[in-house]
Every structure is written in structure tokens, then in C-alpha cells.
N, C-alpha and C. Protein backbone atom coordinates (compact mmCIF):
# COMPACT_ATOMS: atom_id res chain seq x y z
N MET A 1 4.20 -100.22 30.45
CA MET A 1 3.21 -101.25 30.60
C MET A 1 1.84 -100.65 30.92
N ASN A 2 1.80 -99.69 31.87
CA ASN A 2 0.54 -99.05 32.24
C ASN A 2 -0.05 -98.28 31.06
N VAL A 3 0.80 -97.59 30.33
CA VAL A 3 0.33 -96.81 29.19
C VAL A 3 -0.25 -97.75 28.13
N LYS A 4 0.43 -98.87 27.94
CA LYS A 4 -0.03 -99.85 26.97
C LYS A 4 -1.40 -100.41 27.37
N MET A 5 -1.60 -100.70 28.64
CA MET A 5 -2.88 -101.23 29.14
C MET A 5 -3.99 -100.18 29.01
N ILE A 6 -3.65 -98.93 29.30
CA ILE A 6 -4.64 -97.85 29.20
C ILE A 6 -5.06 -97.67 27.75
N LEU A 7 -4.08 -97.67 26.83
CA LEU A 7 -4.39 -97.52 25.41
C LEU A 7 -5.21 -98.71 24.90
N MET A 8 -4.90 -99.90 25.37
CA MET A 8 -5.68 -101.08 24.97
C MET A 8 -7.11 -100.98 25.50
N GLY A 9 -7.26 -100.48 26.72
CA GLY A 9 -8.59 -100.30 27.31
C GLY A 9 -9.40 -99.27 26.54
N ILE A 10 -8.76 -98.16 26.17
CA ILE A 10 -9.44 -97.12 25.39
C ILE A 10 -9.83 -97.66 24.01
N GLY A 11 -8.89 -98.38 23.40
CA GLY A 11 -9.17 -98.96 22.08
C GLY A 11 -10.31 -99.96 22.12
N LEU A 12 -10.31 -100.81 23.14
CA LEU A 12 -11.36 -101.80 23.29
C LEU A 12 -12.71 -101.13 23.54
N SER A 13 -12.71 -100.09 24.37
CA SER A 13 -13.95 -99.34 24.64
C SER A 13 -14.48 -98.69 23.37
N ALA A 14 -13.57 -98.11 22.58
CA ALA A 14 -13.99 -97.48 21.33
C ALA A 14 -14.55 -98.52 20.36
N LEU A 15 -13.93 -99.67 20.32
CA LEU A 15 -14.38 -100.74 19.43
C LEU A 15 -15.77 -101.22 19.82
N VAL A 16 -15.97 -101.45 21.10
CA VAL A 16 -17.26 -101.94 21.58
C VAL A 16 -18.35 -100.90 21.39
N SER A 17 -18.05 -99.64 21.68
CA SER A 17 -19.07 -98.60 21.52
C SER A 17 -19.35 -98.34 20.04
N GLY A 18 -18.38 -98.57 19.19
CA GLY A 18 -18.60 -98.41 17.75
C GLY A 18 -19.49 -99.49 17.19
N CYS A 19 -19.52 -100.63 17.82
CA CYS A 19 -20.37 -101.74 17.36
C CYS A 19 -21.80 -101.61 17.86
N ALA A 20 -22.01 -100.77 18.85
CA ALA A 20 -23.35 -100.60 19.40
C ALA A 20 -24.23 -99.94 18.35
N ASP A 21 -25.44 -100.41 18.23
CA ASP A 21 -26.36 -99.89 17.24
C ASP A 21 -27.54 -99.27 17.97
N VAL A 22 -27.71 -98.00 17.78
CA VAL A 22 -28.84 -97.31 18.38
C VAL A 22 -29.92 -97.25 17.31
N GLN A 23 -31.01 -97.95 17.57
CA GLN A 23 -32.08 -97.97 16.58
C GLN A 23 -32.87 -96.69 16.65
N GLU A 24 -33.19 -96.21 15.48
CA GLU A 24 -34.07 -95.06 15.42
C GLU A 24 -35.50 -95.54 15.66
N LYS A 25 -36.39 -94.60 15.84
CA LYS A 25 -37.78 -94.95 16.08
C LYS A 25 -38.30 -95.79 14.91
N TYR A 26 -38.95 -96.87 15.23
CA TYR A 26 -39.48 -97.77 14.21
C TYR A 26 -40.98 -97.55 14.11
N ASP A 27 -41.42 -97.11 12.96
CA ASP A 27 -42.85 -96.88 12.74
C ASP A 27 -43.48 -98.13 12.14
N VAL A 28 -44.52 -98.58 12.78
CA VAL A 28 -45.25 -99.73 12.26
C VAL A 28 -46.37 -99.20 11.39
N GLY A 29 -46.33 -99.57 10.14
CA GLY A 29 -47.37 -99.13 9.22
C GLY A 29 -48.62 -99.97 9.38
N GLU A 30 -49.68 -99.51 8.78
CA GLU A 30 -50.92 -100.27 8.83
C GLU A 30 -50.82 -101.45 7.87
N TYR A 31 -51.49 -102.51 8.20
CA TYR A 31 -51.53 -103.66 7.32
C TYR A 31 -52.94 -104.22 7.32
N THR A 32 -53.23 -104.95 6.29
CA THR A 32 -54.54 -105.54 6.15
C THR A 32 -54.42 -107.05 6.22
N ALA A 33 -55.18 -107.64 7.08
CA ALA A 33 -55.19 -109.10 7.17
C ALA A 33 -56.10 -109.64 6.06
N VAL A 34 -55.62 -110.63 5.37
CA VAL A 34 -56.38 -111.22 4.28
C VAL A 34 -56.72 -112.66 4.66
N SER A 35 -58.00 -112.97 4.63
CA SER A 35 -58.45 -114.32 4.99
C SER A 35 -58.45 -115.21 3.76
N ASN A 36 -58.32 -116.48 4.00
CA ASN A 36 -58.39 -117.48 2.94
C ASN A 36 -59.85 -117.56 2.47
N PRO A 37 -60.13 -117.23 1.21
CA PRO A 37 -61.52 -117.23 0.74
C PRO A 37 -62.20 -118.60 0.83
N ALA A 38 -61.44 -119.67 0.65
CA ALA A 38 -62.03 -121.01 0.75
C ALA A 38 -62.45 -121.31 2.19
N SER A 39 -61.65 -120.89 3.15
CA SER A 39 -61.99 -121.09 4.56
C SER A 39 -63.20 -120.26 4.95
N VAL A 40 -63.22 -119.01 4.49
CA VAL A 40 -64.35 -118.13 4.80
C VAL A 40 -65.64 -118.71 4.22
N TYR A 41 -65.57 -119.16 2.98
CA TYR A 41 -66.76 -119.73 2.33
C TYR A 41 -67.28 -120.95 3.09
N CYS A 42 -66.37 -121.81 3.52
CA CYS A 42 -66.76 -123.01 4.27
C CYS A 42 -67.53 -122.62 5.54
N VAL A 43 -66.99 -121.69 6.29
CA VAL A 43 -67.62 -121.28 7.55
C VAL A 43 -68.95 -120.58 7.27
N GLU A 44 -69.02 -119.79 6.20
CA GLU A 44 -70.28 -119.12 5.84
C GLU A 44 -71.37 -120.13 5.52
N GLN A 45 -70.99 -121.30 5.01
CA GLN A 45 -71.95 -122.35 4.68
C GLN A 45 -72.22 -123.26 5.87
N GLU A 46 -71.83 -122.77 7.05
CA GLU A 46 -72.01 -123.49 8.32
C GLU A 46 -71.20 -124.78 8.38
N GLY A 47 -70.07 -124.78 7.67
CA GLY A 47 -69.15 -125.90 7.75
C GLY A 47 -68.13 -125.67 8.85
N GLU A 48 -67.36 -126.69 9.11
CA GLU A 48 -66.32 -126.62 10.14
C GLU A 48 -64.98 -126.95 9.48
N LEU A 49 -63.95 -126.16 9.77
CA LEU A 49 -62.63 -126.40 9.21
C LEU A 49 -61.91 -127.47 10.03
N VAL A 50 -61.38 -128.47 9.33
CA VAL A 50 -60.66 -129.57 9.98
C VAL A 50 -59.30 -129.69 9.30
N MET A 51 -58.22 -129.53 10.08
CA MET A 51 -56.86 -129.65 9.53
C MET A 51 -56.35 -131.06 9.77
N VAL A 52 -55.81 -131.67 8.70
CA VAL A 52 -55.33 -133.04 8.75
C VAL A 52 -53.95 -133.08 8.11
N THR A 53 -53.08 -133.96 8.61
CA THR A 53 -51.77 -134.16 7.99
C THR A 53 -51.85 -135.39 7.09
N GLU A 54 -51.57 -135.17 5.81
CA GLU A 54 -51.58 -136.25 4.82
C GLU A 54 -50.25 -136.24 4.08
N ALA A 55 -49.55 -137.33 4.11
CA ALA A 55 -48.25 -137.47 3.43
C ALA A 55 -47.30 -136.35 3.84
N GLY A 56 -47.34 -135.99 5.12
CA GLY A 56 -46.43 -134.97 5.64
C GLY A 56 -46.83 -133.54 5.34
N LYS A 57 -48.02 -133.34 4.78
CA LYS A 57 -48.48 -131.99 4.45
C LYS A 57 -49.80 -131.71 5.15
N ARG A 58 -50.00 -130.44 5.54
CA ARG A 58 -51.24 -130.04 6.19
C ARG A 58 -52.29 -129.75 5.13
N VAL A 59 -53.45 -130.37 5.29
CA VAL A 59 -54.57 -130.18 4.37
C VAL A 59 -55.78 -129.77 5.21
N THR A 60 -56.52 -128.78 4.72
CA THR A 60 -57.71 -128.32 5.44
C THR A 60 -58.96 -128.79 4.71
N TYR A 61 -59.83 -129.42 5.46
CA TYR A 61 -61.10 -129.90 4.93
C TYR A 61 -62.23 -129.07 5.50
N CYS A 62 -63.31 -129.01 4.72
CA CYS A 62 -64.54 -128.38 5.18
C CYS A 62 -65.49 -129.52 5.55
N LYS A 63 -65.79 -129.63 6.83
CA LYS A 63 -66.69 -130.68 7.30
C LYS A 63 -68.11 -130.12 7.27
N LEU A 64 -68.92 -130.64 6.35
CA LEU A 64 -70.27 -130.11 6.15
C LEU A 64 -71.30 -130.86 6.98
N SER A 65 -71.08 -132.14 7.22
CA SER A 65 -71.96 -132.94 8.06
C SER A 65 -71.13 -134.08 8.62
N ASP A 66 -71.77 -134.97 9.36
CA ASP A 66 -71.04 -136.09 9.95
C ASP A 66 -70.38 -136.98 8.90
N ASP A 67 -71.00 -137.08 7.74
CA ASP A 67 -70.47 -138.00 6.73
C ASP A 67 -69.90 -137.31 5.49
N GLU A 68 -69.82 -136.00 5.49
CA GLU A 68 -69.31 -135.29 4.31
C GLU A 68 -68.18 -134.32 4.68
N MET A 69 -66.99 -134.63 4.16
CA MET A 69 -65.83 -133.74 4.31
C MET A 69 -65.22 -133.55 2.93
N VAL A 70 -65.02 -132.28 2.55
CA VAL A 70 -64.46 -131.96 1.24
C VAL A 70 -63.27 -131.04 1.45
N GLU A 71 -62.21 -131.23 0.66
CA GLU A 71 -61.06 -130.32 0.75
C GLU A 71 -61.57 -128.92 0.48
N GLN A 72 -61.15 -127.95 1.31
CA GLN A 72 -61.75 -126.62 1.29
C GLN A 72 -61.69 -125.94 -0.08
N TRP A 73 -60.56 -126.02 -0.77
CA TRP A 73 -60.45 -125.36 -2.08
C TRP A 73 -61.29 -126.07 -3.12
N GLU A 74 -61.39 -127.37 -3.05
CA GLU A 74 -62.25 -128.12 -3.98
C GLU A 74 -63.71 -127.69 -3.78
N TYR A 75 -64.13 -127.57 -2.53
CA TYR A 75 -65.49 -127.14 -2.22
C TYR A 75 -65.74 -125.73 -2.72
N PHE A 76 -64.79 -124.85 -2.52
CA PHE A 76 -64.92 -123.47 -2.97
C PHE A 76 -65.05 -123.41 -4.50
N ARG A 77 -64.18 -124.13 -5.21
CA ARG A 77 -64.20 -124.10 -6.68
C ARG A 77 -65.48 -124.72 -7.25
N GLU A 78 -65.97 -125.77 -6.61
CA GLU A 78 -67.22 -126.40 -7.06
C GLU A 78 -68.38 -125.42 -7.02
N ASN A 79 -68.35 -124.53 -6.06
CA ASN A 79 -69.47 -123.60 -5.86
C ASN A 79 -69.22 -122.22 -6.43
N HIS A 80 -68.12 -122.04 -7.15
CA HIS A 80 -67.81 -120.74 -7.76
C HIS A 80 -67.37 -120.91 -9.22
N LYS A 81 -67.97 -121.85 -9.91
CA LYS A 81 -67.62 -122.11 -11.30
C LYS A 81 -68.02 -120.96 -12.22
N GLU A 82 -69.14 -120.31 -11.95
CA GLU A 82 -69.62 -119.23 -12.82
C GLU A 82 -68.67 -118.05 -12.84
N GLU A 83 -67.99 -117.77 -11.74
CA GLU A 83 -67.02 -116.67 -11.70
C GLU A 83 -65.81 -116.99 -12.56
N LYS A 84 -65.43 -118.25 -12.60
CA LYS A 84 -64.25 -118.68 -13.36
C LYS A 84 -64.50 -118.57 -14.87
N GLU A 85 -65.73 -118.83 -15.31
CA GLU A 85 -66.06 -118.82 -16.73
C GLU A 85 -66.12 -117.43 -17.33
N MET A 86 -66.25 -116.41 -16.54
CA MET A 86 -66.36 -115.03 -17.04
C MET A 86 -65.12 -114.56 -17.66
């Protein structure tokens, strides 16, 4: 009985230690953050970004004045038509 318990203990210890994962050193590479060009353009034009939920989806508007709010991508495309035609 004692031998059986000792062997079970050794087996269990081997099983548990075999499952242990020693991670090697993890190197974090460099990354570049990319901004949303429509958002950047809105802010550059002194607009304010306003996020709204419409039909369960998040939509970002560019608030240009108290009475003018345009969806950010629509505003960006309206003002960058010449680049699209090239």
C-alpha cells in the first residue's frame, strides 16, 4: 500500500511538472500606431469628434460648428475628391 501511494505521488508529481510551461523570453517588437485619416482630418480642420450609437452601431461624426455635424468619412471624402480621381 505504501509503495503504491509513493508511486502514485511520484507519477502525479511528474505529470504536474510535465504540464508546467516555462516561457522563454518574449521580445516585443516595434510597432507603428496608425491613426484614422478621417479623424485626423476632422481635428486638423478644428472640428470635434463625436461618437454616437445609431441602430446599434458606433458612428463618429465631425462636429464643425453648433449646427453642422457630418459623418467623419463623408467629410473626409468630400474634401479629398481630387486624390480619388488620379
